[in-house]
């Protein structure tokens, strides 16, 4: 997973990409839990997004559609992380709401 830990990286995300390798994605990291909101502006790859709390527990999973670039996908409840992957990836791996992800972030990761 690529890590988006700066405001610029979180804003750009997976936008303007033409492809995404199998079993790849982007982990959006922030310092605090808060309600998160993502959209598909300038994104052509169908994606799933999972919102996770500080402990890595999956709170919600949404399918995001590039055909609706202005639609907002909100966490609804405070989340610290968001993980974007190919559409259907979570389902294909049997990953569901309530499961916990083990997040091994680099020790020197600077979160801004």
C-alpha atoms as a PDB file:
ATOM      1  CA  UNK A   1       0.000   0.000   0.000  1.00  0.00           C
ATOM      2  CA  UNK A   2       1.100   3.511  -0.737  1.00  0.00           C
ATOM      3  CA  UNK A   3       0.788   5.829   2.229  1.00  0.00           C
ATOM      4  CA  UNK A   4      -0.771   9.289   2.033  1.00  0.00           C
ATOM      5  CA  UNK A   5       0.275  11.084   5.231  1.00  0.00           C
ATOM      6  CA  UNK A   6       0.581  14.698   4.070  1.00  0.00           C
ATOM      7  CA  UNK A   7      -2.212  17.105   3.137  1.00  0.00           C
ATOM      8  CA  UNK A   8      -1.051  17.115  -0.508  1.00  0.00           C
ATOM      9  CA  UNK A   9      -0.902  13.307  -0.761  1.00  0.00           C
ATOM     10  CA  UNK A  10      -4.324  12.951   0.915  1.00  0.00           C
ATOM     11  CA  UNK A  11      -5.827  15.507  -1.483  1.00  0.00           C
ATOM     12  CA  UNK A  12      -4.398  13.869  -4.623  1.00  0.00           C
ATOM     13  CA  UNK A  13      -4.934  10.264  -3.551  1.00  0.00           C
ATOM     14  CA  UNK A  14      -5.404   7.943  -6.529  1.00  0.00           C
ATOM     15  CA  UNK A  15      -6.717  10.703  -8.813  1.00  0.00           C
ATOM     16  CA  UNK A  16      -5.283  11.057 -12.322  1.00  0.00           C
ATOM     17  CA  UNK A  17      -4.073   7.451 -12.434  1.00  0.00           C
ATOM     18  CA  UNK A  18      -4.936   5.202 -15.331  1.00  0.00           C
ATOM     19  CA  UNK A  19      -4.337   1.932 -13.511  1.00  0.00           C
ATOM     20  CA  UNK A  20      -3.641   0.334 -10.154  1.00  0.00           C
ATOM     21  CA  UNK A  21      -1.704  -2.896  -9.756  1.00  0.00           C
ATOM     22  CA  UNK A  22      -3.542  -5.925  -8.354  1.00  0.00           C
ATOM     23  CA  UNK A  23      -3.521  -6.055  -4.535  1.00  0.00           C
ATOM     24  CA  UNK A  24      -2.346  -2.451  -4.333  1.00  0.00           C
ATOM     25  CA  UNK A  25      -4.020   0.618  -2.919  1.00  0.00           C
ATOM     26  CA  UNK A  26      -3.518   3.681  -0.803  1.00  0.00           C
ATOM     27  CA  UNK A  27      -3.718   4.122   2.957  1.00  0.00           C
ATOM     28  CA  UNK A  28      -4.722   7.621   4.027  1.00  0.00           C
ATOM     29  CA  UNK A  29      -3.282   8.427   7.449  1.00  0.00           C
ATOM     30  CA  UNK A  30      -4.185  11.331   9.698  1.00  0.00           C
ATOM     31  CA  UNK A  31      -3.218  12.210  13.262  1.00  0.00           C
ATOM     32  CA  UNK A  32      -6.722  12.141  14.710  1.00  0.00           C
ATOM     33  CA  UNK A  33     -10.006  10.362  14.301  1.00  0.00           C
ATOM     34  CA  UNK A  34     -12.692  12.467  12.654  1.00  0.00           C
ATOM     35  CA  UNK A  35     -15.495  12.005  10.161  1.00  0.00           C
ATOM     36  CA  UNK A  36     -13.804  11.435   6.804  1.00  0.00           C
ATOM     37  CA  UNK A  37     -15.152  12.156   3.333  1.00  0.00           C
ATOM     38  CA  UNK A  38     -13.821  11.071  -0.051  1.00  0.00           C
ATOM     39  CA  UNK A  39     -14.954  11.541  -3.632  1.00  0.00           C
ATOM     40  CA  UNK A  40     -13.937  10.324  -7.082  1.00  0.00           C
ATOM     41  CA  UNK A  41     -13.030  13.622  -8.748  1.00  0.00           C
ATOM     42  CA  UNK A  42     -10.458  12.939 -11.513  1.00  0.00           C
ATOM     43  CA  UNK A  43     -10.428   9.231 -10.606  1.00  0.00           C
ATOM     44  CA  UNK A  44     -11.235   6.672 -13.289  1.00  0.00           C
ATOM     45  CA  UNK A  45     -10.530   3.429 -11.406  1.00  0.00           C
ATOM     46  CA  UNK A  46     -13.545   1.862  -9.606  1.00  0.00           C
ATOM     47  CA  UNK A  47     -12.539   1.662  -5.955  1.00  0.00           C
ATOM     48  CA  UNK A  48     -13.595   0.377  -2.572  1.00  0.00           C
ATOM     49  CA  UNK A  49     -12.856   2.447   0.499  1.00  0.00           C
ATOM     50  CA  UNK A  50     -12.703   1.186   4.070  1.00  0.00           C
ATOM     51  CA  UNK A  51     -12.701   3.534   7.026  1.00  0.00           C
ATOM     52  CA  UNK A  52     -10.725   2.340  10.052  1.00  0.00           C
ATOM     53  CA  UNK A  53     -10.407   3.557  13.632  1.00  0.00           C
ATOM     54  CA  UNK A  54      -7.103   4.161  15.446  1.00  0.00           C
ATOM     55  CA  UNK A  55      -6.858   0.470  16.314  1.00  0.00           C
ATOM     56  CA  UNK A  56      -7.269  -0.620  12.686  1.00  0.00           C
ATOM     57  CA  UNK A  57     -10.853  -1.888  13.100  1.00  0.00           C
ATOM     58  CA  UNK A  58     -12.872  -1.540   9.907  1.00  0.00           C
ATOM     59  CA  UNK A  59     -15.851   0.705  10.569  1.00  0.00           C
ATOM     60  CA  UNK A  60     -17.361   0.956   7.081  1.00  0.00           C
ATOM     61  CA  UNK A  61     -16.716  -0.168   3.517  1.00  0.00           C
ATOM     62  CA  UNK A  62     -18.099   1.706   0.488  1.00  0.00           C
ATOM     63  CA  UNK A  63     -17.943   1.052  -3.242  1.00  0.00           C
ATOM     64  CA  UNK A  64     -16.964   4.237  -5.037  1.00  0.00           C
ATOM     65  CA  UNK A  65     -18.040   4.808  -8.624  1.00  0.00           C
ATOM     66  CA  UNK A  66     -16.028   6.993 -11.024  1.00  0.00           C
ATOM     67  CA  UNK A  67     -19.246   7.592 -12.995  1.00  0.00           C
ATOM     68  CA  UNK A  68     -20.345   9.790 -10.047  1.00  0.00           C
ATOM     69  CA  UNK A  69     -17.228  11.936  -9.503  1.00  0.00           C
ATOM     70  CA  UNK A  70     -18.955  14.490  -7.249  1.00  0.00           C
ATOM     71  CA  UNK A  71     -20.643  11.965  -4.936  1.00  0.00           C
ATOM     72  CA  UNK A  72     -19.306  12.067  -1.374  1.00  0.00           C
ATOM     73  CA  UNK A  73     -18.499   8.895   0.561  1.00  0.00           C
ATOM     74  CA  UNK A  74     -18.525   9.771   4.247  1.00  0.00           C
ATOM     75  CA  UNK A  75     -17.327   7.655   7.136  1.00  0.00           C
ATOM     76  CA  UNK A  76     -20.381   8.739   9.122  1.00  0.00           C
ATOM     77  CA  UNK A  77     -18.418   8.200  12.340  1.00  0.00           C
ATOM     78  CA  UNK A  78     -14.897   9.278  13.299  1.00  0.00           C
ATOM     79  CA  UNK A  79     -12.124   7.314  11.571  1.00  0.00           C
ATOM     80  CA  UNK A  80      -8.360   7.766  11.558  1.00  0.00           C
ATOM     81  CA  UNK A  81      -7.528   5.820   8.416  1.00  0.00           C
ATOM     82  CA  UNK A  82      -9.047   5.243   5.000  1.00  0.00           C
ATOM     83  CA  UNK A  83      -7.908   2.452   2.720  1.00  0.00           C
ATOM     84  CA  UNK A  84      -8.686   2.591  -1.014  1.00  0.00           C
ATOM     85  CA  UNK A  85      -8.313  -0.521  -3.164  1.00  0.00           C
ATOM     86  CA  UNK A  86      -9.759  -2.000  -6.345  1.00  0.00           C
ATOM     87  CA  UNK A  87     -13.543  -2.391  -6.375  1.00  0.00           C
ATOM     88  CA  UNK A  88     -14.419  -5.765  -4.858  1.00  0.00           C
ATOM     89  CA  UNK A  89     -11.032  -6.324  -3.201  1.00  0.00           C
ATOM     90  CA  UNK A  90     -12.362  -6.444   0.374  1.00  0.00           C
ATOM     91  CA  UNK A  91     -15.154  -8.849  -0.605  1.00  0.00           C
ATOM     92  CA  UNK A  92     -12.759 -11.101  -2.560  1.00  0.00           C
ATOM     93  CA  UNK A  93     -10.535 -11.402   0.521  1.00  0.00           C
ATOM     94  CA  UNK A  94     -13.435 -12.013   2.912  1.00  0.00           C
ATOM     95  CA  UNK A  95     -12.739  -8.738   4.715  1.00  0.00           C
ATOM     96  CA  UNK A  96     -15.768  -7.249   6.456  1.00  0.00           C
ATOM     97  CA  UNK A  97     -16.831  -4.482   8.810  1.00  0.00           C
ATOM     98  CA  UNK A  98     -15.537  -5.299  12.287  1.00  0.00           C
ATOM     99  CA  UNK A  99     -12.360  -7.014  11.082  1.00  0.00           C
ATOM    100  CA  UNK A 100      -9.075  -5.490  12.220  1.00  0.00           C
ATOM    101  CA  UNK A 101      -6.185  -4.602   9.937  1.00  0.00           C
ATOM    102  CA  UNK A 102      -2.628  -4.816  11.213  1.00  0.00           C
ATOM    103  CA  UNK A 103      -1.064  -1.514  10.163  1.00  0.00           C
ATOM    104  CA  UNK A 104       2.718  -1.560  10.128  1.00  0.00           C
ATOM    105  CA  UNK A 105       3.552   2.053   9.438  1.00  0.00           C
ATOM    106  CA  UNK A 106       7.183   3.113   9.024  1.00  0.00           C
ATOM    107  CA  UNK A 107       8.670   4.309  12.325  1.00  0.00           C
ATOM    108  CA  UNK A 108       9.891   7.487  10.654  1.00  0.00           C
ATOM    109  CA  UNK A 109       6.526   8.298   9.029  1.00  0.00           C
ATOM    110  CA  UNK A 110       5.810  11.990   9.434  1.00  0.00           C
ATOM    111  CA  UNK A 111       2.080  12.614   9.575  1.00  0.00           C
ATOM    112  CA  UNK A 112       1.117  16.160   8.719  1.00  0.00           C
END
